[in-house]
Amino acid sequence: MLVAVTFFMENLDATVIATALPQMARDFAENPVSLNIGISAYLLAVAVFIPLSGWVADRFGARQVFAGAIGLFTLASWLCGLAQTLETFVAARVLQGIGGALMVPVGRLVVLRTTEKQDLVKVLAVITWPGLVAPVLGPPIGGLIVTHLSWPWIFYLNIPLGLLASAAAWWLVPNTRASEARRFDWLGFVFLASACATWLLGLEMLGSLSGDGLGTGAALVAVGALLTWLSIRHCQRHPAPLLPLATLAIATFRASIIGGTLFRLSISALPFLIPLLLQIGFGYSPVDAGLLVLAIFVGNLAMKPFTTGLLRRHGFRRVLLVNGLIGVGCILACLLLQQDMPWYWMALVLFIGGLSRSMQFTTYNAIGFAEVPKAQMGQASTLFSMFFQLAMALGVAIAALLLRVSTMLRGGESEMTVGDFRWALVGIGLIACAALVDAVRLPANAGEQVLRT
């Protein structure tokens, strides 16, 4: 439960500022869409530093790393609230992401190493479900805080929670460490961190679509692709790489990484796009936009009791395919949202999307570890955690890029219209479609051993 709570904290802070972006943009004298870097930088820092977590835990002990990471996360939250400019805010968010990167994977690894296969679906649901609901709860919580207080309180509220969680970590987490810690792969870390950073910066600059920004953005994306290739090549040749890739030979784990990453990318874009559509496109207040998005969370909650039964009855492959198509339909159904539409019809569209989102999210997480041997669970957990967070970071960056592309193609400057959001939703829907390719390739009985009672 402690790991689940920290997972919730980490993922809540990824989207809690979504409904606060217009107010923060006014304070920082920036365009609201430009502030997506505050979300993306946080998620990117988490993704980049996650591979460090296993090595650091083996070297210094799980208890010290876990409690120290919570403390760093709490300190960075305080600095976020104090920020006066976009640059200082992004720097504090990066520091917060580093704390989150060392916080969750260590706890997840301790749990996975002590869990039997028959309990895997249930245990992973407990750990990962907060990561599913937190991005959806973020917008309404942020909207309430912005409406009744001010945006820095979004981060100040982490301080008492962080102090309590840090104290609980010292009490509950065993102080395990490896008998012989492996040498740190510095070259692998440089390749990986540089690849992630250049991808994000390149997507950000491509979104500007103006002059030097377009050329520089394209160049950074090309460099990011090259660094990604170098990272993979290094990990395949190094005897003890920072990011082991051997578990990708397991078909179910590979489907969870590739198809699951595309799926998470698409769903992570929605908590960013929908609140902005409701506020900028339809004129909703932050609190009203956040409360309407809460319908997705209600759908997540309603699906939870049926997840295990549906998986045992139909199997992983069929659920991924059928429910995946439903999920794509729900994303495209958001194209039908209108300013004068009754709120309950909007809520129904988001609710059904929440049902599908929850089912697909849990299925990808469970099948990912279904056939991974315990000896490789640490490697799989590190790789899974990194791609999980990277997908969320790229989801927000790509959603913002699609908005800017649509705005510039119609000749606009900074004002966005409802049409821009609809083109962005179409792009996100196509990405969700691409996620189904790996599910098609799975055998019909994939991962069935963890579904046996």
Protein backbone atom coordinates (compact mmCIF):
# COMPACT_ATOMS: atom_id res chain seq x y z
CA MET A 1 0.00 0.00 0.00
CA LEU A 2 2.90 2.35 0.69
CA VAL A 3 4.28 1.71 -2.80
CA ALA A 4 0.81 2.29 -4.24
CA VAL A 5 0.53 5.62 -2.40
CA THR A 6 3.91 6.82 -3.68
CA PHE A 7 2.93 5.71 -7.20
CA PHE A 8 -0.20 7.81 -6.82
CA MET A 9 1.83 10.85 -5.68
CA GLU A 10 4.27 10.49 -8.57
CA ASN A 11 1.58 10.20 -11.25
CA LEU A 12 -0.77 12.78 -9.71
CA ASP A 13 1.90 15.46 -10.08
CA ALA A 14 2.19 14.60 -13.77
CA THR A 15 -1.25 16.03 -14.64
CA VAL A 16 -2.45 17.96 -11.59
CA ILE A 17 -1.32 21.20 -13.25
CA ALA A 18 -3.38 20.56 -16.41
CA THR A 19 -6.33 22.71 -15.32
CA ALA A 20 -3.96 25.26 -13.77
CA LEU A 21 -2.07 25.91 -17.03
CA PRO A 22 -4.05 29.03 -18.06
CA GLN A 23 -3.49 30.69 -14.65
CA MET A 24 0.18 29.65 -14.54
CA ALA A 25 0.63 30.93 -18.11
CA ARG A 26 -0.64 34.37 -17.03
CA ASP A 27 1.74 34.44 -14.06
CA PHE A 28 4.69 33.36 -16.20
CA ALA A 29 3.62 35.52 -19.21
CA GLU A 30 3.59 32.47 -21.49
CA ASN A 31 1.19 30.72 -23.88
CA PRO A 32 -0.85 28.01 -22.04
CA VAL A 33 0.28 25.26 -24.46
CA SER A 34 3.91 26.25 -23.87
CA LEU A 35 3.51 25.17 -20.27
CA ASN A 36 3.16 21.54 -21.35
CA ILE A 37 6.96 21.51 -20.90
CA GLY A 38 6.23 21.57 -17.16
CA ILE A 39 4.42 18.25 -17.53
CA SER A 40 6.78 16.75 -20.09
CA ALA A 41 9.98 17.72 -18.24
CA TYR A 42 8.72 16.03 -15.08
CA LEU A 43 7.78 12.82 -16.88
CA LEU A 44 11.00 12.85 -18.90
CA ALA A 45 13.14 13.18 -15.77
CA VAL A 46 11.30 10.22 -14.28
CA ALA A 47 11.89 8.15 -17.43
CA VAL A 48 15.59 9.08 -17.70
CA PHE A 49 16.49 8.38 -14.07
CA ILE A 50 14.42 5.22 -13.58
CA PRO A 51 17.28 2.98 -14.85
CA LEU A 52 19.40 4.35 -11.98
CA SER A 53 16.94 3.05 -9.40
CA GLY A 54 17.95 -0.62 -9.43
CA TRP A 55 21.67 0.11 -9.26
CA VAL A 56 21.26 2.73 -6.52
CA ALA A 57 19.04 0.41 -4.44
CA ASP A 58 21.59 -2.42 -4.71
CA ARG A 59 24.43 -0.08 -3.80
CA PHE A 60 22.89 1.91 -0.91
CA GLY A 61 19.93 -0.19 0.23
CA ALA A 62 16.22 -0.10 -0.61
CA ARG A 63 15.17 1.68 2.58
CA GLN A 64 17.63 4.57 2.26
CA VAL A 65 16.92 5.09 -1.44
CA PHE A 66 13.14 4.89 -1.06
CA ALA A 67 12.95 7.27 1.91
CA GLY A 68 15.53 9.63 0.42
CA ALA A 69 13.68 9.76 -2.89
CA ILE A 70 10.45 10.70 -1.14
CA GLY A 71 12.35 13.47 0.66
CA LEU A 72 13.76 14.78 -2.62
CA PHE A 73 10.30 14.69 -4.20
CA THR A 74 8.91 16.69 -1.26
CA LEU A 75 11.69 19.30 -1.41
CA ALA A 76 11.21 19.74 -5.16
CA SER A 77 7.47 20.23 -4.63
CA TRP A 78 8.22 23.15 -2.31
CA LEU A 79 10.58 24.65 -4.93
CA CYS A 80 7.89 24.30 -7.63
CA GLY A 81 5.50 26.38 -5.54
CA LEU A 82 8.15 29.08 -5.08
CA ALA A 83 8.99 29.36 -8.81
CA GLN A 84 8.57 32.83 -10.36
CA THR A 85 9.52 32.01 -13.96
CA LEU A 86 8.90 29.14 -16.36
CA GLU A 87 12.61 28.28 -16.38
CA THR A 88 12.88 27.90 -12.59
CA PHE A 89 9.60 25.99 -12.53
CA VAL A 90 10.86 23.49 -15.14
CA ALA A 91 14.12 23.05 -13.19
CA ALA A 92 12.17 22.25 -10.01
CA ARG A 93 9.96 19.84 -11.96
CA VAL A 94 13.03 18.00 -13.24
CA LEU A 95 14.28 17.65 -9.64
CA GLN A 96 10.85 16.39 -8.64
CA GLY A 97 10.97 13.85 -11.48
CA ILE A 98 14.35 12.55 -10.29
CA GLY A 99 12.82 11.91 -6.86
CA GLY A 100 9.89 10.11 -8.46
CA ALA A 101 12.21 8.01 -10.62
CA LEU A 102 14.01 6.64 -7.57
CA MET A 103 10.82 6.31 -5.52
CA VAL A 104 8.42 3.98 -7.31
CA PRO A 105 10.60 1.35 -9.11
CA VAL A 106 12.44 0.44 -5.91
CA GLY A 107 9.18 -0.24 -4.10
CA ARG A 108 7.73 -2.10 -7.09
CA LEU A 109 10.83 -4.30 -7.34
CA VAL A 110 10.68 -5.30 -3.67
CA VAL A 111 7.04 -6.33 -4.11
CA LEU A 112 7.54 -8.20 -7.40
CA ARG A 113 10.41 -10.28 -6.05
CA THR A 114 8.21 -11.63 -3.25
CA THR A 115 5.02 -12.27 -5.27
CA GLU A 116 3.97 -15.67 -6.63
CA LYS A 117 2.73 -15.91 -10.23
CA GLN A 118 -0.86 -16.74 -9.23
CA ASP A 119 -1.05 -13.52 -7.21
CA LEU A 120 0.57 -11.34 -9.88
CA VAL A 121 -2.61 -9.88 -11.42
CA LYS A 122 -4.01 -8.87 -8.04
CA VAL A 123 -0.76 -7.42 -6.70
CA LEU A 124 0.02 -5.47 -9.86
CA ALA A 125 -3.51 -4.09 -9.81
CA VAL A 126 -2.94 -2.75 -6.30
CA ILE A 127 0.39 -1.16 -7.25
CA THR A 128 -0.43 0.21 -10.69
CA TRP A 129 -4.07 1.22 -10.34
CA PRO A 130 -3.11 4.47 -8.55
CA GLY A 131 -0.98 5.27 -11.59
CA LEU A 132 -4.10 4.90 -13.73
CA VAL A 133 -6.44 7.05 -11.65
CA ALA A 134 -3.95 9.72 -10.58
CA PRO A 135 -3.64 11.38 -14.03
CA VAL A 136 -7.45 11.59 -14.17
CA LEU A 137 -7.88 12.89 -10.62
CA GLY A 138 -5.15 15.46 -11.26
CA PRO A 139 -7.23 17.91 -13.36
CA PRO A 140 -10.22 18.17 -10.94
CA ILE A 141 -7.93 18.46 -7.92
CA GLY A 142 -5.89 21.11 -9.71
CA GLY A 143 -9.07 22.91 -10.76
CA LEU A 144 -10.38 23.04 -7.20
CA ILE A 145 -7.07 24.34 -5.86
CA VAL A 146 -6.73 26.99 -8.59
CA THR A 147 -10.33 28.15 -8.09
CA HIS A 148 -10.25 28.43 -4.31
CA LEU A 149 -6.54 29.01 -3.59
CA SER A 150 -3.70 29.52 -6.11
CA TRP A 151 -1.60 27.18 -8.22
CA PRO A 152 1.45 26.98 -5.84
CA TRP A 153 -0.78 25.12 -3.36
CA ILE A 154 -0.90 22.25 -5.83
CA PHE A 155 2.69 21.57 -4.81
CA TYR A 156 2.61 22.73 -1.19
CA LEU A 157 0.06 20.00 -0.41
CA ASN A 158 2.72 17.40 -1.22
CA ILE A 159 4.83 18.51 1.73
CA PRO A 160 2.85 16.93 4.63
CA LEU A 161 2.11 13.84 2.53
CA GLY A 162 5.78 13.47 1.64
CA LEU A 163 6.92 13.76 5.25
CA LEU A 164 4.45 11.07 6.37
CA ALA A 165 5.40 8.75 3.50
CA SER A 166 9.11 9.17 4.20
CA ALA A 167 8.61 8.24 7.85
CA ALA A 168 6.53 5.20 6.83
CA ALA A 169 9.27 4.10 4.42
CA TRP A 170 11.86 3.97 7.22
CA TRP A 171 9.46 1.81 9.22
CA LEU A 172 8.07 -0.56 6.55
CA VAL A 173 10.68 -1.05 3.82
CA PRO A 174 13.36 -3.73 4.48
CA ASN A 175 16.93 -2.52 4.10
CA THR A 176 17.93 -4.98 1.39
CA ARG A 177 20.91 -4.52 -0.88
CA ALA A 178 22.94 -6.66 -3.26
CA SER A 179 25.89 -8.56 -1.79
CA GLU A 180 28.02 -7.32 -4.67
CA ALA A 181 26.82 -4.21 -6.54
CA ARG A 182 27.64 -4.12 -10.25
CA ARG A 183 29.64 -1.27 -11.74
CA PHE A 184 27.61 1.65 -12.97
CA ASP A 185 27.23 1.91 -16.75
CA TRP A 186 28.02 5.60 -17.23
CA LEU A 187 28.17 5.46 -21.03
CA GLY A 188 24.77 3.77 -21.20
CA PHE A 189 23.30 6.43 -18.93
CA VAL A 190 24.71 9.26 -21.07
CA PHE A 191 23.33 7.69 -24.25
CA LEU A 192 19.92 7.07 -22.72
CA ALA A 193 19.54 10.45 -21.01
CA SER A 194 20.70 12.31 -24.12
CA ALA A 195 18.31 10.37 -26.36
CA CYS A 196 15.29 11.11 -24.17
CA ALA A 197 16.19 14.79 -23.75
CA THR A 198 16.76 15.41 -27.46
CA TRP A 199 13.49 13.69 -28.40
CA LEU A 200 11.51 15.92 -26.04
CA LEU A 201 13.30 19.14 -27.02
CA GLY A 202 12.98 18.27 -30.69
CA LEU A 203 9.24 17.70 -30.41
CA GLU A 204 8.88 20.94 -28.48
CA MET A 205 10.75 22.96 -31.11
CA LEU A 206 8.94 21.27 -34.00
CA GLY A 207 5.75 22.45 -32.40
CA SER A 208 6.78 26.06 -32.93
CA LEU A 209 6.84 25.50 -36.75
CA SER A 210 8.60 28.80 -37.32
CA GLY A 211 11.97 29.65 -38.85
CA ASP A 212 14.93 28.26 -36.97
CA GLY A 213 12.65 26.40 -34.56
CA LEU A 214 11.51 24.02 -37.29
CA GLY A 215 15.03 23.23 -38.51
CA THR A 216 16.47 22.89 -35.03
CA GLY A 217 13.58 20.70 -33.93
CA ALA A 218 14.01 18.36 -36.91
CA ALA A 219 17.75 18.17 -36.24
CA LEU A 220 17.16 17.30 -32.57
CA VAL A 221 14.68 14.57 -33.49
CA ALA A 222 17.25 13.11 -35.90
CA VAL A 223 19.93 13.25 -33.18
CA GLY A 224 17.48 11.61 -30.76
CA ALA A 225 16.92 8.77 -33.22
CA LEU A 226 20.68 8.28 -33.59
CA LEU A 227 21.22 8.30 -29.82
CA THR A 228 18.39 5.80 -29.40
CA TRP A 229 20.13 3.46 -31.85
CA LEU A 230 23.44 3.93 -30.02
CA SER A 231 21.72 3.20 -26.69
CA ILE A 232 20.22 -0.06 -27.99
CA ARG A 233 23.53 -1.10 -29.57
CA HIS A 234 25.41 -0.36 -26.33
CA CYS A 235 22.91 -2.29 -24.19
CA GLN A 236 23.18 -5.31 -26.48
CA ARG A 237 27.01 -5.37 -26.26
CA HIS A 238 27.72 -4.30 -22.67
CA PRO A 239 28.16 -7.19 -20.16
CA ALA A 240 26.15 -5.37 -17.47
CA PRO A 241 24.17 -2.61 -19.21
CA LEU A 242 22.21 0.06 -17.41
CA LEU A 243 19.09 -1.05 -19.31
CA PRO A 244 19.11 -4.85 -19.90
CA LEU A 245 17.16 -5.83 -23.02
CA ALA A 246 17.14 -9.63 -22.65
CA THR A 247 13.54 -9.69 -21.40
CA LEU A 248 12.34 -8.27 -24.72
CA ALA A 249 12.81 -11.78 -26.14
CA ILE A 250 9.66 -12.78 -24.18
CA ALA A 251 6.70 -12.17 -26.51
CA THR A 252 4.21 -11.09 -23.86
CA PHE A 253 6.67 -8.69 -22.25
CA ARG A 254 7.61 -7.27 -25.65
CA ALA A 255 3.94 -6.66 -26.47
CA SER A 256 3.50 -4.85 -23.15
CA ILE A 257 6.51 -2.65 -23.89
CA ILE A 258 5.84 -1.80 -27.55
CA GLY A 259 2.05 -1.94 -27.85
CA GLY A 260 1.58 -0.90 -24.23
CA THR A 261 3.81 2.14 -24.71
CA LEU A 262 1.77 3.33 -27.69
CA PHE A 263 -1.44 2.80 -25.73
CA ARG A 264 -0.17 4.66 -22.66
CA LEU A 265 1.06 7.45 -24.92
CA SER A 266 -2.46 7.92 -26.31
CA ILE A 267 -4.28 7.82 -22.97
CA SER A 268 -1.76 10.11 -21.26
CA ALA A 269 -2.54 12.79 -23.85
CA LEU A 270 -6.25 12.92 -22.90
CA PRO A 271 -5.91 14.40 -19.37
CA PHE A 272 -3.90 17.17 -21.07
CA LEU A 273 -6.15 17.72 -24.11
CA ILE A 274 -9.64 17.42 -22.62
CA PRO A 275 -9.27 20.05 -19.82
CA LEU A 276 -7.78 22.51 -22.31
CA LEU A 277 -10.57 21.80 -24.82
CA LEU A 278 -13.21 22.44 -22.16
CA GLN A 279 -11.56 25.65 -20.93
CA ILE A 280 -10.13 27.22 -24.10
CA GLY A 281 -12.58 25.77 -26.62
CA PHE A 282 -15.83 25.72 -24.62
CA GLY A 283 -15.16 28.41 -21.99
CA TYR A 284 -15.48 26.14 -18.93
CA SER A 285 -14.02 27.22 -15.60
CA PRO A 286 -11.03 25.21 -14.26
CA VAL A 287 -13.13 23.52 -11.57
CA ASP A 288 -15.96 22.63 -14.00
CA ALA A 289 -13.49 21.21 -16.52
CA GLY A 290 -11.77 19.19 -13.83
CA LEU A 291 -15.02 17.81 -12.45
CA LEU A 292 -16.20 16.75 -15.89
CA VAL A 293 -12.94 14.92 -16.55
CA LEU A 294 -13.63 13.11 -13.27
CA ALA A 295 -16.07 10.95 -15.27
CA ILE A 296 -13.03 9.10 -16.63
CA PHE A 297 -12.05 8.20 -13.07
CA VAL A 298 -15.56 6.97 -12.32
CA GLY A 299 -15.26 4.68 -15.35
CA ASN A 300 -11.89 3.43 -14.10
CA LEU A 301 -13.45 2.65 -10.73
CA ALA A 302 -16.54 0.95 -12.19
CA MET A 303 -14.47 -1.43 -14.34
CA LYS A 304 -12.20 -2.53 -11.51
CA PRO A 305 -14.40 -5.38 -10.07
CA PHE A 306 -14.82 -6.97 -13.52
CA THR A 307 -11.22 -6.90 -14.76
CA THR A 308 -9.95 -10.24 -13.40
CA GLY A 309 -13.14 -12.12 -14.35
CA LEU A 310 -13.08 -10.84 -17.93
CA LEU A 311 -9.41 -11.73 -18.31
CA ARG A 312 -9.95 -15.27 -17.03
CA ARG A 313 -12.95 -15.79 -19.28
CA HIS A 314 -11.61 -14.34 -22.53
CA GLY A 315 -7.81 -14.31 -22.14
CA PHE A 316 -5.28 -11.53 -22.60
CA ARG A 317 -5.21 -11.45 -26.41
CA ARG A 318 -8.95 -11.18 -27.00
CA VAL A 319 -9.36 -8.53 -24.30
CA LEU A 320 -6.51 -6.44 -25.72
CA LEU A 321 -7.98 -6.55 -29.24
CA VAL A 322 -11.69 -6.05 -28.52
CA ASN A 323 -11.25 -3.58 -25.69
CA GLY A 324 -8.53 -1.79 -27.65
CA LEU A 325 -10.97 -1.12 -30.49
CA ILE A 326 -13.52 0.16 -27.98
CA GLY A 327 -10.84 2.47 -26.55
CA VAL A 328 -10.04 3.89 -29.99
CA GLY A 329 -13.74 4.49 -30.56
CA CYS A 330 -13.99 6.35 -27.25
CA ILE A 331 -11.11 8.65 -28.21
CA LEU A 332 -12.73 9.43 -31.55
CA ALA A 333 -16.10 9.92 -29.83
CA CYS A 334 -14.57 12.99 -28.15
CA LEU A 335 -14.76 14.60 -31.61
CA LEU A 336 -18.53 14.81 -31.07
CA LEU A 337 -18.24 17.01 -27.97
CA GLN A 338 -19.93 20.39 -28.50
CA GLN A 339 -20.02 23.57 -26.44
CA ASP A 340 -23.82 23.46 -26.10
CA MET A 341 -23.96 19.72 -25.41
CA PRO A 342 -25.52 18.80 -22.02
CA TRP A 343 -22.83 17.98 -19.47
CA TYR A 344 -24.21 14.48 -18.83
CA TRP A 345 -23.65 13.44 -22.46
CA MET A 346 -20.06 14.64 -22.25
CA ALA A 347 -19.67 12.77 -18.97
CA LEU A 348 -21.06 9.59 -20.57
CA VAL A 349 -18.49 9.69 -23.38
CA LEU A 350 -15.68 10.16 -20.88
CA PHE A 351 -17.12 7.49 -18.54
CA ILE A 352 -17.19 4.81 -21.27
CA GLY A 353 -13.65 5.82 -22.20
CA GLY A 354 -12.67 5.35 -18.55
CA LEU A 355 -14.10 1.81 -18.55
CA SER A 356 -12.05 0.82 -21.60
CA ARG A 357 -8.95 2.68 -20.39
CA SER A 358 -8.94 0.82 -17.06
CA MET A 359 -9.37 -2.59 -18.69
CA GLN A 360 -6.60 -2.06 -21.23
CA PHE A 361 -4.22 -0.52 -18.71
CA THR A 362 -4.53 -3.45 -16.28
CA THR A 363 -4.28 -6.02 -19.08
CA TYR A 364 -1.04 -4.60 -20.47
CA ASN A 365 0.49 -4.37 -16.99
CA ALA A 366 -0.44 -7.95 -16.07
CA ILE A 367 0.60 -9.62 -19.32
CA GLY A 368 3.93 -7.82 -19.21
CA PHE A 369 5.13 -9.83 -16.20
CA ALA A 370 3.11 -13.01 -16.84
CA GLU A 371 5.97 -15.03 -18.37
CA VAL A 372 9.01 -13.24 -16.90
CA PRO A 373 11.12 -15.54 -14.66
CA LYS A 374 11.78 -14.25 -11.14
CA ALA A 375 15.49 -14.06 -11.88
CA GLN A 376 14.76 -11.47 -14.60
CA MET A 377 12.04 -9.60 -12.71
CA GLY A 378 14.40 -6.77 -11.75
CA GLN A 379 15.45 -6.18 -15.35
CA ALA A 380 11.84 -6.33 -16.53
CA SER A 381 10.65 -3.93 -13.83
CA THR A 382 13.31 -1.35 -14.70
CA LEU A 383 12.59 -1.51 -18.44
CA PHE A 384 8.82 -1.46 -17.89
CA SER A 385 8.98 1.53 -15.53
CA MET A 386 11.13 3.56 -17.90
CA PHE A 387 8.90 2.99 -20.93
CA PHE A 388 5.81 3.61 -18.79
CA GLN A 389 6.98 7.10 -17.86
CA LEU A 390 8.51 7.86 -21.26
CA ALA A 391 5.16 7.10 -22.90
CA MET A 392 3.41 9.57 -20.61
CA ALA A 393 6.00 12.27 -21.35
CA LEU A 394 5.81 11.76 -25.10
CA GLY A 395 2.01 11.64 -24.97
CA VAL A 396 1.82 15.17 -23.62
CA ALA A 397 4.55 16.44 -25.96
CA ILE A 398 2.93 14.89 -29.06
CA ALA A 399 -0.51 16.20 -28.07
CA ALA A 400 0.90 19.72 -27.78
CA LEU A 401 2.73 19.28 -31.09
CA LEU A 402 -0.49 18.22 -32.84
CA LEU A 403 -2.29 21.27 -31.44
CA ARG A 404 0.43 23.61 -32.67
CA VAL A 405 0.62 21.97 -36.09
CA SER A 406 -3.13 22.39 -36.57
CA THR A 407 -2.98 26.01 -35.39
CA MET A 408 -0.15 26.92 -37.74
CA LEU A 409 -1.56 25.07 -40.77
CA ARG A 410 -4.79 27.06 -40.63
CA GLY A 411 -2.78 30.30 -40.43
CA GLY A 412 -3.37 31.02 -36.75
CA GLU A 413 -0.77 32.45 -34.44
CA SER A 414 -1.46 31.67 -30.80
CA GLU A 415 -5.24 31.35 -30.56
CA MET A 416 -6.49 27.77 -30.60
CA THR A 417 -9.92 26.68 -31.78
CA VAL A 418 -12.07 23.61 -31.17
CA GLY A 419 -10.98 22.35 -34.59
CA ASP A 420 -7.35 22.23 -33.46
CA PHE A 421 -8.28 19.97 -30.56
CA ARG A 422 -10.25 17.69 -32.88
CA TRP A 423 -7.28 17.20 -35.19
CA ALA A 424 -5.13 16.41 -32.16
CA LEU A 425 -7.69 13.81 -31.02
CA VAL A 426 -7.63 12.18 -34.47
CA GLY A 427 -3.84 11.87 -34.24
CA ILE A 428 -4.04 10.36 -30.76
CA GLY A 429 -6.68 7.90 -31.98
CA LEU A 430 -4.38 6.72 -34.78
CA ILE A 431 -1.60 6.09 -32.26
CA ALA A 432 -4.01 4.00 -30.18
CA CYS A 433 -4.82 1.98 -33.33
CA ALA A 434 -1.13 1.27 -33.90
CA ALA A 435 -0.92 -0.16 -30.36
CA LEU A 436 -3.14 -3.09 -31.41
CA VAL A 437 -0.60 -4.50 -33.90
CA ASP A 438 1.40 -6.29 -31.17
CA ALA A 439 -1.76 -7.74 -29.64
CA VAL A 440 -2.68 -9.32 -33.00
CA ARG A 441 0.66 -11.16 -33.02
CA LEU A 442 0.17 -12.74 -29.58
CA PRO A 443 -0.88 -16.41 -29.38
CA ALA A 444 -4.43 -17.08 -28.15
CA ASN A 445 -3.16 -18.59 -24.86
CA ALA A 446 -0.64 -15.85 -24.09
CA GLY A 447 -0.03 -15.41 -20.34
CA GLU A 448 -2.65 -17.95 -19.34
CA GLN A 449 -0.61 -19.30 -16.38
CA VAL A 450 -1.27 -16.17 -14.29
CA LEU A 451 -5.03 -16.43 -14.94
CA ARG A 452 -5.40 -19.87 -13.40
CA THR A 453 -7.24 -19.91 -10.07
